[in-house]
């Protein structure tokens, strides 16, 4: 199992705004979050998980945030850094999202064949 403690990402509604030219681009908030989250991933010693996975995302229970809006940035970060192969259904077999007490966001990833996989 891989466990990452990350800052809370921007909502998926704030990741890719449309610019004046009509093209979508990464938002300033998303770039700032990546600048903080990516070093955490780099410093985590892990072996990529090949094949199907289960991911549990736990977000700090605060304010009036909409839980499903935080999945994209967290899962895309795992794909971008090759923690998991992809987020297609052949690889991401189960996604669990929940509220928790820890600050920010916790990402836990299991191989579907791993003992203790939820």
C-alpha atoms as a PDB file:
ATOM      1  CA  UNK A   1       0.000   0.000   0.000  1.00  0.00           C
ATOM      2  CA  UNK A   2       1.133   3.511  -0.800  1.00  0.00           C
ATOM      3  CA  UNK A   3       0.028   6.394   1.421  1.00  0.00           C
ATOM      4  CA  UNK A   4       0.448  10.070   0.561  1.00  0.00           C
ATOM      5  CA  UNK A   5      -0.450  12.987   2.847  1.00  0.00           C
ATOM      6  CA  UNK A   6      -1.076  15.968   0.571  1.00  0.00           C
ATOM      7  CA  UNK A   7      -2.572  19.430   0.802  1.00  0.00           C
ATOM      8  CA  UNK A   8      -6.197  19.679  -0.264  1.00  0.00           C
ATOM      9  CA  UNK A   9      -6.285  20.257  -4.040  1.00  0.00           C
ATOM     10  CA  UNK A  10      -8.392  22.847  -5.783  1.00  0.00           C
ATOM     11  CA  UNK A  11     -11.886  21.751  -6.756  1.00  0.00           C
ATOM     12  CA  UNK A  12     -12.176  20.201 -10.220  1.00  0.00           C
ATOM     13  CA  UNK A  13     -14.256  23.290 -11.081  1.00  0.00           C
ATOM     14  CA  UNK A  14     -11.092  25.381 -10.592  1.00  0.00           C
ATOM     15  CA  UNK A  15      -8.479  23.244 -12.404  1.00  0.00           C
ATOM     16  CA  UNK A  16      -8.831  24.255 -16.066  1.00  0.00           C
ATOM     17  CA  UNK A  17     -10.489  27.609 -16.725  1.00  0.00           C
ATOM     18  CA  UNK A  18     -11.141  28.808 -20.261  1.00  0.00           C
ATOM     19  CA  UNK A  19      -8.934  31.713 -21.255  1.00  0.00           C
ATOM     20  CA  UNK A  20      -9.837  34.762 -23.337  1.00  0.00           C
ATOM     21  CA  UNK A  21      -8.708  32.884 -26.459  1.00  0.00           C
ATOM     22  CA  UNK A  22     -11.208  30.093 -25.767  1.00  0.00           C
ATOM     23  CA  UNK A  23      -8.474  27.586 -24.848  1.00  0.00           C
ATOM     24  CA  UNK A  24      -8.456  25.761 -21.517  1.00  0.00           C
ATOM     25  CA  UNK A  25      -5.330  26.010 -19.364  1.00  0.00           C
ATOM     26  CA  UNK A  26      -4.145  24.992 -15.893  1.00  0.00           C
ATOM     27  CA  UNK A  27      -5.275  27.502 -13.332  1.00  0.00           C
ATOM     28  CA  UNK A  28      -2.955  29.420 -11.028  1.00  0.00           C
ATOM     29  CA  UNK A  29      -4.488  27.584  -8.033  1.00  0.00           C
ATOM     30  CA  UNK A  30      -3.788  24.201  -9.673  1.00  0.00           C
ATOM     31  CA  UNK A  31      -0.170  25.164 -10.457  1.00  0.00           C
ATOM     32  CA  UNK A  32       0.371  26.331  -6.877  1.00  0.00           C
ATOM     33  CA  UNK A  33      -1.084  23.079  -5.515  1.00  0.00           C
ATOM     34  CA  UNK A  34       1.109  20.994  -7.853  1.00  0.00           C
ATOM     35  CA  UNK A  35       4.133  22.986  -6.676  1.00  0.00           C
ATOM     36  CA  UNK A  36       3.430  21.862  -3.103  1.00  0.00           C
ATOM     37  CA  UNK A  37       2.070  18.349  -3.769  1.00  0.00           C
ATOM     38  CA  UNK A  38       4.676  17.126  -6.271  1.00  0.00           C
ATOM     39  CA  UNK A  39       7.686  17.418  -3.912  1.00  0.00           C
ATOM     40  CA  UNK A  40       5.765  15.267  -1.407  1.00  0.00           C
ATOM     41  CA  UNK A  41       5.404  12.587  -4.087  1.00  0.00           C
ATOM     42  CA  UNK A  42       9.091  12.859  -5.058  1.00  0.00           C
ATOM     43  CA  UNK A  43      10.177  12.417  -1.437  1.00  0.00           C
ATOM     44  CA  UNK A  44       7.945   9.392  -0.885  1.00  0.00           C
ATOM     45  CA  UNK A  45       9.836   6.170  -1.473  1.00  0.00           C
ATOM     46  CA  UNK A  46       7.472   3.895  -3.365  1.00  0.00           C
ATOM     47  CA  UNK A  47       7.433   1.308  -6.088  1.00  0.00           C
ATOM     48  CA  UNK A  48       4.789   1.964  -8.737  1.00  0.00           C
ATOM     49  CA  UNK A  49       1.805  -0.340  -8.514  1.00  0.00           C
ATOM     50  CA  UNK A  50       1.323  -2.276 -11.750  1.00  0.00           C
ATOM     51  CA  UNK A  51      -2.098  -3.471 -12.773  1.00  0.00           C
ATOM     52  CA  UNK A  52      -5.489  -2.925 -11.175  1.00  0.00           C
ATOM     53  CA  UNK A  53      -5.690  -0.763  -8.039  1.00  0.00           C
ATOM     54  CA  UNK A  54      -8.060   0.464  -5.371  1.00  0.00           C
ATOM     55  CA  UNK A  55      -7.700   4.082  -4.241  1.00  0.00           C
ATOM     56  CA  UNK A  56      -9.110   5.584  -1.059  1.00  0.00           C
ATOM     57  CA  UNK A  57      -9.182   9.389  -0.868  1.00  0.00           C
ATOM     58  CA  UNK A  58      -9.793  10.948   2.526  1.00  0.00           C
ATOM     59  CA  UNK A  59     -10.332  14.699   2.714  1.00  0.00           C
ATOM     60  CA  UNK A  60     -10.362  16.877   5.774  1.00  0.00           C
ATOM     61  CA  UNK A  61     -13.957  17.403   6.868  1.00  0.00           C
ATOM     62  CA  UNK A  62     -14.186  21.175   6.676  1.00  0.00           C
ATOM     63  CA  UNK A  63     -16.378  23.896   5.320  1.00  0.00           C
ATOM     64  CA  UNK A  64     -18.876  23.344   2.551  1.00  0.00           C
ATOM     65  CA  UNK A  65     -16.748  21.484   0.025  1.00  0.00           C
ATOM     66  CA  UNK A  66     -18.250  18.975  -2.395  1.00  0.00           C
ATOM     67  CA  UNK A  67     -16.304  15.713  -1.909  1.00  0.00           C
ATOM     68  CA  UNK A  68     -16.430  14.389  -5.520  1.00  0.00           C
ATOM     69  CA  UNK A  69     -14.896  17.614  -6.879  1.00  0.00           C
ATOM     70  CA  UNK A  70     -11.488  16.717  -5.396  1.00  0.00           C
ATOM     71  CA  UNK A  71     -10.889  13.338  -7.049  1.00  0.00           C
ATOM     72  CA  UNK A  72      -9.484  14.531 -10.385  1.00  0.00           C
ATOM     73  CA  UNK A  73      -6.416  16.420  -9.166  1.00  0.00           C
ATOM     74  CA  UNK A  74      -5.453  13.669  -6.701  1.00  0.00           C
ATOM     75  CA  UNK A  75      -5.833  10.742  -9.106  1.00  0.00           C
ATOM     76  CA  UNK A  76      -4.216  12.659 -11.989  1.00  0.00           C
ATOM     77  CA  UNK A  77      -1.210  13.342  -9.746  1.00  0.00           C
ATOM     78  CA  UNK A  78      -0.836   9.576  -9.155  1.00  0.00           C
ATOM     79  CA  UNK A  79      -0.935   8.900 -12.904  1.00  0.00           C
ATOM     80  CA  UNK A  80       1.405  11.792 -13.721  1.00  0.00           C
ATOM     81  CA  UNK A  81       4.046  10.436 -11.336  1.00  0.00           C
ATOM     82  CA  UNK A  82       3.529   6.839 -12.436  1.00  0.00           C
ATOM     83  CA  UNK A  83       2.352   5.636  -9.034  1.00  0.00           C
ATOM     84  CA  UNK A  84      -0.416   3.925 -10.984  1.00  0.00           C
ATOM     85  CA  UNK A  85      -0.423   3.096 -14.695  1.00  0.00           C
ATOM     86  CA  UNK A  86      -3.600   4.945 -15.613  1.00  0.00           C
ATOM     87  CA  UNK A  87      -7.008   5.960 -14.318  1.00  0.00           C
ATOM     88  CA  UNK A  88      -8.923   3.970 -16.926  1.00  0.00           C
ATOM     89  CA  UNK A  89     -11.333   1.362 -15.648  1.00  0.00           C
ATOM     90  CA  UNK A  90      -8.974  -1.531 -16.401  1.00  0.00           C
ATOM     91  CA  UNK A  91      -6.546  -0.055 -13.832  1.00  0.00           C
ATOM     92  CA  UNK A  92      -8.613   1.998 -11.371  1.00  0.00           C
ATOM     93  CA  UNK A  93     -11.047  -0.691 -10.263  1.00  0.00           C
ATOM     94  CA  UNK A  94     -12.444   0.984  -7.156  1.00  0.00           C
ATOM     95  CA  UNK A  95     -12.420   4.526  -5.805  1.00  0.00           C
ATOM     96  CA  UNK A  96     -13.435   5.210  -2.216  1.00  0.00           C
ATOM     97  CA  UNK A  97     -13.950   8.808  -1.084  1.00  0.00           C
ATOM     98  CA  UNK A  98     -14.576   9.815   2.494  1.00  0.00           C
ATOM     99  CA  UNK A  99     -14.287  12.599   5.023  1.00  0.00           C
ATOM    100  CA  UNK A 100     -11.632  12.392   7.709  1.00  0.00           C
ATOM    101  CA  UNK A 101      -9.898  14.246  10.508  1.00  0.00           C
ATOM    102  CA  UNK A 102      -6.393  14.519   9.024  1.00  0.00           C
ATOM    103  CA  UNK A 103      -5.378  17.826   7.485  1.00  0.00           C
ATOM    104  CA  UNK A 104      -5.588  18.142   3.702  1.00  0.00           C
ATOM    105  CA  UNK A 105      -5.969  14.972   1.680  1.00  0.00           C
ATOM    106  CA  UNK A 106      -4.763  11.413   2.218  1.00  0.00           C
ATOM    107  CA  UNK A 107      -4.340   9.141  -0.806  1.00  0.00           C
ATOM    108  CA  UNK A 108      -4.037   5.401  -0.153  1.00  0.00           C
ATOM    109  CA  UNK A 109      -3.447   2.976  -3.019  1.00  0.00           C
ATOM    110  CA  UNK A 110      -3.533  -0.819  -3.002  1.00  0.00           C
ATOM    111  CA  UNK A 111      -3.003  -3.412  -5.701  1.00  0.00           C
ATOM    112  CA  UNK A 112      -6.262  -5.359  -5.980  1.00  0.00           C
ATOM    113  CA  UNK A 113      -4.263  -8.504  -5.210  1.00  0.00           C
ATOM    114  CA  UNK A 114      -2.678  -7.022  -2.072  1.00  0.00           C
ATOM    115  CA  UNK A 115      -3.647  -8.404   1.283  1.00  0.00           C
ATOM    116  CA  UNK A 116      -5.763  -5.931   3.230  1.00  0.00           C
ATOM    117  CA  UNK A 117      -7.065  -4.237   0.092  1.00  0.00           C
ATOM    118  CA  UNK A 118     -10.473  -2.685   0.866  1.00  0.00           C
END
